[in-house]
C-alpha atoms as a PDB file:
ATOM      1  CA  MET A   1     -30.513 -43.067  17.088  1.00  0.00           C
ATOM      2  CA  ARG A   2     -28.035 -42.293  14.682  1.00  0.00           C
ATOM      3  CA  ARG A   3     -25.443 -41.089  17.254  1.00  0.00           C
ATOM      4  CA  LEU A   4     -26.063 -44.393  19.139  1.00  0.00           C
ATOM      5  CA  LEU A   5     -25.069 -46.395  15.947  1.00  0.00           C
ATOM      6  CA  LEU A   6     -22.093 -44.582  15.303  1.00  0.00           C
ATOM      7  CA  VAL A   7     -20.533 -45.207  18.983  1.00  0.00           C
ATOM      8  CA  PRO A   8     -19.993 -49.307  17.991  1.00  0.00           C
ATOM      9  CA  PHE A   9     -18.363 -47.907  14.718  1.00  0.00           C
ATOM     10  CA  PHE A  10     -16.043 -45.463  16.222  1.00  0.00           C
ATOM     11  CA  CYS A  11     -15.024 -48.463  19.318  1.00  0.00           C
ATOM     12  CA  ALA A  12     -14.322 -50.761  16.577  1.00  0.00           C
ATOM     13  CA  LEU A  13     -11.927 -48.048  14.492  1.00  0.00           C
ATOM     14  CA  LEU A  14     -10.444 -47.400  17.933  1.00  0.00           C
ATOM     15  CA  THR A  15      -9.797 -51.223  18.487  1.00  0.00           C
ATOM     16  CA  ALA A  16      -8.899 -51.726  15.037  1.00  0.00           C
ATOM     17  CA  ALA A  17      -6.229 -48.881  15.205  1.00  0.00           C
ATOM     18  CA  HIS A  18      -4.840 -50.013  18.814  1.00  0.00           C
ATOM     19  CA  CYS A  19      -4.220 -53.769  16.833  1.00  0.00           C
ATOM     20  CA  ALA A  20      -2.433 -52.138  14.442  1.00  0.00           C
ATOM     21  CA  GLN A  21       0.162 -50.363  16.578  1.00  0.00           C
ATOM     22  CA  ALA A  22       0.344 -53.115  19.070  1.00  0.00           C
ATOM     23  CA  GLY A  23       3.250 -54.708  16.960  1.00  0.00           C
ATOM     24  CA  ASP A  24       5.350 -51.603  16.361  1.00  0.00           C
ATOM     25  CA  ILE A  25       8.757 -51.570  17.114  1.00  0.00           C
ATOM     26  CA  GLU A  26      10.410 -48.413  19.077  1.00  0.00           C
ATOM     27  CA  VAL A  27      13.778 -48.032  18.067  1.00  0.00           C
ATOM     28  CA  ARG A  28      15.816 -46.585  21.301  1.00  0.00           C
ATOM     29  CA  ASP A  29      19.917 -45.813  22.285  1.00  0.00           C
ATOM     30  CA  VAL A  30      20.920 -46.140  19.079  1.00  0.00           C
ATOM     31  CA  SER A  31      24.985 -45.359  18.490  1.00  0.00           C
ATOM     32  CA  LEU A  32      27.705 -46.023  16.686  1.00  0.00           C
ATOM     33  CA  ARG A  33      31.493 -46.225  17.509  1.00  0.00           C
ATOM     34  CA  ALA A  34      34.903 -46.628  16.475  1.00  0.00           C
ATOM     35  CA  ALA A  35      36.383 -50.145  16.513  1.00  0.00           C
ATOM     36  CA  ASP A  36      39.516 -51.434  15.489  1.00  0.00           C
ATOM     37  CA  GLU A  37      37.899 -53.132  12.569  1.00  0.00           C
ATOM     38  CA  GLY A  38      35.797 -49.732  11.518  1.00  0.00           C
ATOM     39  CA  VAL A  39      32.557 -48.461  12.734  1.00  0.00           C
ATOM     40  CA  VAL A  40      30.245 -50.675  14.662  1.00  0.00           C
ATOM     41  CA  LEU A  41      26.626 -49.980  15.971  1.00  0.00           C
ATOM     42  CA  ASN A  42      24.934 -50.476  19.360  1.00  0.00           C
ATOM     43  CA  ALA A  43      21.053 -50.194  19.386  1.00  0.00           C
ATOM     44  CA  ASP A  44      17.975 -51.445  21.258  1.00  0.00           C
ATOM     45  CA  PHE A  45      14.455 -52.380  20.095  1.00  0.00           C
ATOM     46  CA  ASP A  46      11.451 -52.127  22.557  1.00  0.00           C
ATOM     47  CA  PHE A  47       8.917 -54.600  21.352  1.00  0.00           C
ATOM     48  CA  GLU A  48       6.036 -57.176  22.187  1.00  0.00           C
ATOM     49  CA  LEU A  49       5.168 -60.385  20.062  1.00  0.00           C
ATOM     50  CA  THR A  50       1.331 -60.499  19.373  1.00  0.00           C
ATOM     51  CA  PRO A  51      -0.723 -63.544  20.064  1.00  0.00           C
ATOM     52  CA  ARG A  52      -0.490 -64.233  15.855  1.00  0.00           C
ATOM     53  CA  HIS A  53       3.600 -64.501  16.755  1.00  0.00           C
ATOM     54  CA  LEU A  54       3.233 -66.384  19.747  1.00  0.00           C
ATOM     55  CA  GLU A  55       0.950 -68.965  18.195  1.00  0.00           C
ATOM     56  CA  ALA A  56       3.045 -69.280  14.944  1.00  0.00           C
ATOM     57  CA  VAL A  57       6.384 -69.775  16.680  1.00  0.00           C
ATOM     58  CA  SER A  58       4.847 -72.175  19.144  1.00  0.00           C
ATOM     59  CA  ASN A  59       3.461 -74.056  16.453  1.00  0.00           C
ATOM     60  CA  GLY A  60       7.226 -74.665  14.670  1.00  0.00           C
ATOM     61  CA  VAL A  61       6.876 -71.251  12.392  1.00  0.00           C
ATOM     62  CA  PRO A  62      10.551 -69.497  12.319  1.00  0.00           C
ATOM     63  CA  LEU A  63      10.204 -65.765  12.650  1.00  0.00           C
ATOM     64  CA  TYR A  64      12.880 -63.531  10.253  1.00  0.00           C
ATOM     65  CA  PHE A  65      13.439 -60.019  11.526  1.00  0.00           C
ATOM     66  CA  VAL A  66      15.561 -58.218   9.368  1.00  0.00           C
ATOM     67  CA  ILE A  67      17.816 -55.010  10.591  1.00  0.00           C
ATOM     68  CA  GLU A  68      18.896 -52.430   8.177  1.00  0.00           C
ATOM     69  CA  PHE A  69      21.111 -49.696   8.320  1.00  0.00           C
ATOM     70  CA  ASP A  70      21.918 -47.180   6.087  1.00  0.00           C
ATOM     71  CA  LEU A  71      24.528 -44.196   5.877  1.00  0.00           C
ATOM     72  CA  THR A  72      24.017 -41.205   3.158  1.00  0.00           C
ATOM     73  CA  ARG A  73      25.693 -38.191   2.652  1.00  0.00           C
ATOM     74  CA  LYS A  74      23.460 -35.320   2.317  1.00  0.00           C
ATOM     75  CA  ARG A  75      24.804 -32.742  -0.659  1.00  0.00           C
ATOM     76  CA  TRP A  76      23.148 -29.034  -1.304  1.00  0.00           C
ATOM     77  CA  TYR A  77      23.520 -29.690  -4.841  1.00  0.00           C
ATOM     78  CA  TRP A  78      22.188 -33.254  -5.716  1.00  0.00           C
ATOM     79  CA  PHE A  79      20.280 -35.565  -4.224  1.00  0.00           C
ATOM     80  CA  ALA A  80      21.823 -37.537  -1.202  1.00  0.00           C
ATOM     81  CA  GLU A  81      24.631 -40.101  -1.947  1.00  0.00           C
ATOM     82  CA  ASN A  82      23.807 -43.565  -0.405  1.00  0.00           C
ATOM     83  CA  THR A  83      27.198 -44.932   1.619  1.00  0.00           C
ATOM     84  CA  VAL A  84      26.878 -47.830   3.147  1.00  0.00           C
ATOM     85  CA  SER A  85      23.944 -50.429   3.330  1.00  0.00           C
ATOM     86  CA  ARG A  86      24.004 -53.351   5.351  1.00  0.00           C
ATOM     87  CA  ARG A  87      21.351 -55.943   6.351  1.00  0.00           C
ATOM     88  CA  MET A  88      21.226 -58.485   9.405  1.00  0.00           C
ATOM     89  CA  GLN A  89      18.678 -61.400   9.603  1.00  0.00           C
ATOM     90  CA  VAL A  90      17.918 -62.880  12.918  1.00  0.00           C
ATOM     91  CA  ARG A  91      16.045 -66.014  12.908  1.00  0.00           C
ATOM     92  CA  LEU A  92      13.805 -66.745  16.019  1.00  0.00           C
ATOM     93  CA  SER A  93      12.407 -70.516  16.227  1.00  0.00           C
ATOM     94  CA  TYR A  94      11.100 -72.943  18.544  1.00  0.00           C
ATOM     95  CA  HIS A  95      12.106 -76.701  19.073  1.00  0.00           C
ATOM     96  CA  ALA A  96       9.480 -78.827  20.332  1.00  0.00           C
ATOM     97  CA  LEU A  97      11.842 -81.710  21.266  1.00  0.00           C
ATOM     98  CA  SER A  98      14.510 -79.899  23.165  1.00  0.00           C
ATOM     99  CA  ARG A  99      11.349 -77.398  24.330  1.00  0.00           C
ATOM    100  CA  HIS A 100      14.504 -74.412  23.689  1.00  0.00           C
ATOM    101  CA  TYR A 101      14.260 -71.275  21.514  1.00  0.00           C
ATOM    102  CA  ARG A 102      16.953 -70.496  19.105  1.00  0.00           C
ATOM    103  CA  LEU A 103      18.603 -67.546  17.378  1.00  0.00           C
ATOM    104  CA  SER A 104      20.367 -67.625  14.270  1.00  0.00           C
ATOM    105  CA  THR A 105      22.398 -65.057  12.266  1.00  0.00           C
ATOM    106  CA  GLY A 106      24.352 -66.838  10.158  1.00  0.00           C
ATOM    107  CA  VAL A 107      26.166 -69.440  11.181  1.00  0.00           C
ATOM    108  CA  VAL A 108      25.943 -68.263  15.088  1.00  0.00           C
ATOM    109  CA  GLN A 109      22.896 -70.011  16.726  1.00  0.00           C
ATOM    110  CA  GLN A 110      22.139 -68.915  20.435  1.00  0.00           C
ATOM    111  CA  SER A 111      19.416 -71.391  23.178  1.00  0.00           C
ATOM    112  CA  PHE A 112      17.228 -70.381  25.372  1.00  0.00           C
ATOM    113  CA  THR A 113      14.870 -72.152  27.651  1.00  0.00           C
ATOM    114  CA  THR A 114      12.759 -69.294  27.457  1.00  0.00           C
ATOM    115  CA  LEU A 115      10.950 -67.097  24.854  1.00  0.00           C
ATOM    116  CA  GLU A 116      11.680 -64.025  27.215  1.00  0.00           C
ATOM    117  CA  GLU A 117      15.190 -64.972  27.367  1.00  0.00           C
ATOM    118  CA  ALA A 118      15.262 -65.158  23.703  1.00  0.00           C
ATOM    119  CA  LEU A 119      13.238 -62.029  23.456  1.00  0.00           C
ATOM    120  CA  ALA A 120      15.953 -60.135  25.547  1.00  0.00           C
ATOM    121  CA  VAL A 121      18.911 -60.927  23.251  1.00  0.00           C
ATOM    122  CA  LEU A 122      16.936 -59.942  20.259  1.00  0.00           C
ATOM    123  CA  ARG A 123      16.279 -56.592  21.502  1.00  0.00           C
ATOM    124  CA  LYS A 124      19.492 -55.749  21.850  1.00  0.00           C
ATOM    125  CA  VAL A 125      22.266 -55.729  18.970  1.00  0.00           C
ATOM    126  CA  ARG A 126      25.332 -54.849  20.117  1.00  0.00           C
ATOM    127  CA  ASN A 127      29.065 -54.288  17.917  1.00  0.00           C
ATOM    128  CA  TRP A 128      27.896 -54.887  14.642  1.00  0.00           C
ATOM    129  CA  LEU A 129      30.033 -54.116  11.955  1.00  0.00           C
ATOM    130  CA  VAL A 130      28.389 -51.416   9.701  1.00  0.00           C
ATOM    131  CA  ILE A 131      31.111 -49.581   8.189  1.00  0.00           C
ATOM    132  CA  GLU A 132      34.257 -51.825   7.211  1.00  0.00           C
ATOM    133  CA  ARG A 133      37.727 -49.925   8.009  1.00  0.00           C
ATOM    134  CA  ASN A 134      38.442 -50.303   4.394  1.00  0.00           C
ATOM    135  CA  VAL A 135      35.453 -47.678   3.504  1.00  0.00           C
ATOM    136  CA  ALA A 136      36.562 -44.236   2.761  1.00  0.00           C
ATOM    137  CA  LEU A 137      34.874 -41.851   4.601  1.00  0.00           C
ATOM    138  CA  GLY A 138      35.385 -38.000   3.986  1.00  0.00           C
ATOM    139  CA  ASP A 139      35.183 -35.072   6.104  1.00  0.00           C
ATOM    140  CA  TYR A 140      31.179 -34.495   5.580  1.00  0.00           C
ATOM    141  CA  ASN A 141      28.086 -34.686   7.646  1.00  0.00           C
ATOM    142  CA  TYR A 142      26.410 -38.035   7.132  1.00  0.00           C
ATOM    143  CA  GLU A 143      22.978 -38.960   8.135  1.00  0.00           C
ATOM    144  CA  ALA A 144      22.445 -42.758   9.410  1.00  0.00           C
ATOM    145  CA  ALA A 145      19.426 -44.727   9.743  1.00  0.00           C
ATOM    146  CA  VAL A 146      18.368 -47.722  11.174  1.00  0.00           C
ATOM    147  CA  ARG A 147      15.147 -49.934  11.567  1.00  0.00           C
ATOM    148  CA  MET A 148      14.142 -53.156  12.532  1.00  0.00           C
ATOM    149  CA  ARG A 149      10.957 -55.214  10.384  1.00  0.00           C
ATOM    150  CA  LEU A 150       9.566 -58.584  10.676  1.00  0.00           C
ATOM    151  CA  ASP A 151      10.054 -60.207   6.926  1.00  0.00           C
ATOM    152  CA  ILE A 152       6.577 -61.810   6.395  1.00  0.00           C
ATOM    153  CA  SER A 153       7.832 -62.694   2.953  1.00  0.00           C
ATOM    154  CA  LEU A 154       9.718 -65.527   4.550  1.00  0.00           C
ATOM    155  CA  LEU A 155       6.768 -67.133   6.123  1.00  0.00           C
ATOM    156  CA  PRO A 156       5.392 -70.343   4.742  1.00  0.00           C
ATOM    157  CA  LYS A 157       2.888 -69.611   1.997  1.00  0.00           C
ATOM    158  CA  PRO A 158      -0.455 -69.973   3.882  1.00  0.00           C
ATOM    159  CA  PHE A 159       1.007 -67.493   6.893  1.00  0.00           C
ATOM    160  CA  GLN A 160       1.677 -64.872   4.468  1.00  0.00           C
ATOM    161  CA  VAL A 161      -1.904 -64.409   2.842  1.00  0.00           C
ATOM    162  CA  ASN A 162      -2.845 -64.386   6.278  1.00  0.00           C
ATOM    163  CA  ALA A 163      -0.037 -61.818   7.216  1.00  0.00           C
ATOM    164  CA  ILE A 164      -0.782 -59.394   4.293  1.00  0.00           C
ATOM    165  CA  ALA A 165      -4.519 -59.150   5.809  1.00  0.00           C
ATOM    166  CA  THR A 166      -4.031 -59.104   9.359  1.00  0.00           C
ATOM    167  CA  PRO A 167      -2.801 -55.709  11.219  1.00  0.00           C
ATOM    168  CA  GLU A 168      -1.817 -58.101  13.993  1.00  0.00           C
ATOM    169  CA  TRP A 169       0.717 -60.029  12.217  1.00  0.00           C
ATOM    170  CA  ARG A 170       2.747 -56.579  11.320  1.00  0.00           C
ATOM    171  CA  LEU A 171       5.798 -55.656  13.517  1.00  0.00           C
ATOM    172  CA  GLU A 172       8.364 -53.238  12.188  1.00  0.00           C
ATOM    173  CA  SER A 173       9.294 -49.924  13.348  1.00  0.00           C
ATOM    174  CA  PRO A 174      10.041 -46.523  11.241  1.00  0.00           C
ATOM    175  CA  TRP A 175      13.375 -45.532  10.434  1.00  0.00           C
ATOM    176  CA  LYS A 176      15.415 -43.717  13.206  1.00  0.00           C
ATOM    177  CA  ARG A 177      17.486 -41.350  11.838  1.00  0.00           C
ATOM    178  CA  PHE A 178      20.624 -39.320  13.387  1.00  0.00           C
ATOM    179  CA  PRO A 179      23.639 -37.471  12.518  1.00  0.00           C
ATOM    180  CA  PHE A 180      27.167 -38.716  12.154  1.00  0.00           C
ATOM    181  CA  ARG A 181      30.101 -37.488  11.532  1.00  0.00           C
ATOM    182  CA  ALA A 182      33.085 -40.166  10.517  1.00  0.00           C
ATOM    183  CA  PRO A 183      35.913 -40.506  13.153  1.00  0.00           C
ATOM    184  CA  GLN A 184      39.193 -39.154  12.331  1.00  0.00           C
ATOM    185  CA  GLN A 185      41.824 -42.039  11.823  1.00  0.00           C
ATOM    186  CA  PRO A 186      45.056 -41.280  13.052  1.00  0.00           C
ATOM    187  CA  PRO A 187      47.943 -40.851  10.632  1.00  0.00           C
ATOM    188  CA  ALA A 188      50.024 -43.924   9.869  1.00  0.00           C
ATOM    189  CA  PRO A 189      53.595 -43.723  11.335  1.00  0.00           C
ATOM    190  CA  VAL A 190      56.175 -43.107   8.661  1.00  0.00           C
ATOM    191  CA  GLU A 191      59.243 -45.293   8.319  1.00  0.00           C
ATOM    192  CA  SER A 192      62.552 -43.636   8.416  1.00  0.00           C
ATOM    193  CA  ARG A 193      64.402 -44.353   5.279  1.00  0.00           C
ATOM    194  CA  GLU A 194      67.764 -43.000   6.741  1.00  0.00           C
ATOM    195  CA  PRO A 195      70.978 -45.194   5.971  1.00  0.00           C
ATOM    196  CA  GLN A 196      71.861 -47.249   9.064  1.00  0.00           C
ATOM    197  CA  ARG A 197      75.158 -46.287  10.471  1.00  0.00           C
ATOM    198  CA  THR A 198      77.587 -49.172  11.052  1.00  0.00           C
ATOM    199  CA  GLU A 199      80.135 -48.726  14.114  1.00  0.00           C
ATOM    200  CA  PRO A 200      84.025 -48.639  12.843  1.00  0.00           C
ATOM    201  CA  GLN A 201      85.639 -52.283  13.475  1.00  0.00           C
END
């Protein structure tokens, strides 16, 4: 009898664990490349919104996603040195009058007719300038890290309380870490200081 009573208990635990993992974000195909402005990041994220998220968005509650980037230099003689930290916020919202979904990053807005179209763009980060050209990087081995998460602190207060108590609201990825070495910048051209010769007239 005791074993029979434990079966529903373990089934409930498995169901709860599945719900807690349903909102996980996976970081895929992340890379850094040199550009004219500095170093840009490309990354693909894989996730699906849970029924709680879908219900909130359809009722006009915006969801705020945060993409974070860190660059640190490992030092054998001391703690790791944090060299660069960047943060980008993307707002996902639904407008009932126009029946369109919107993604907003700062002053830049994109409009979509379906939620799936909006999510397809949200899952891909392209050409994000994370290291500006004027940042001095030495010839060291660095560790880069990137992650995405849903910022529940920006939800309306009633939703914040619900999100803290409900695992289904959880939506985040672990830090994706990978090695990085600063690209070597070509030396600046040296201007000739020789006096110009003038042809005799």
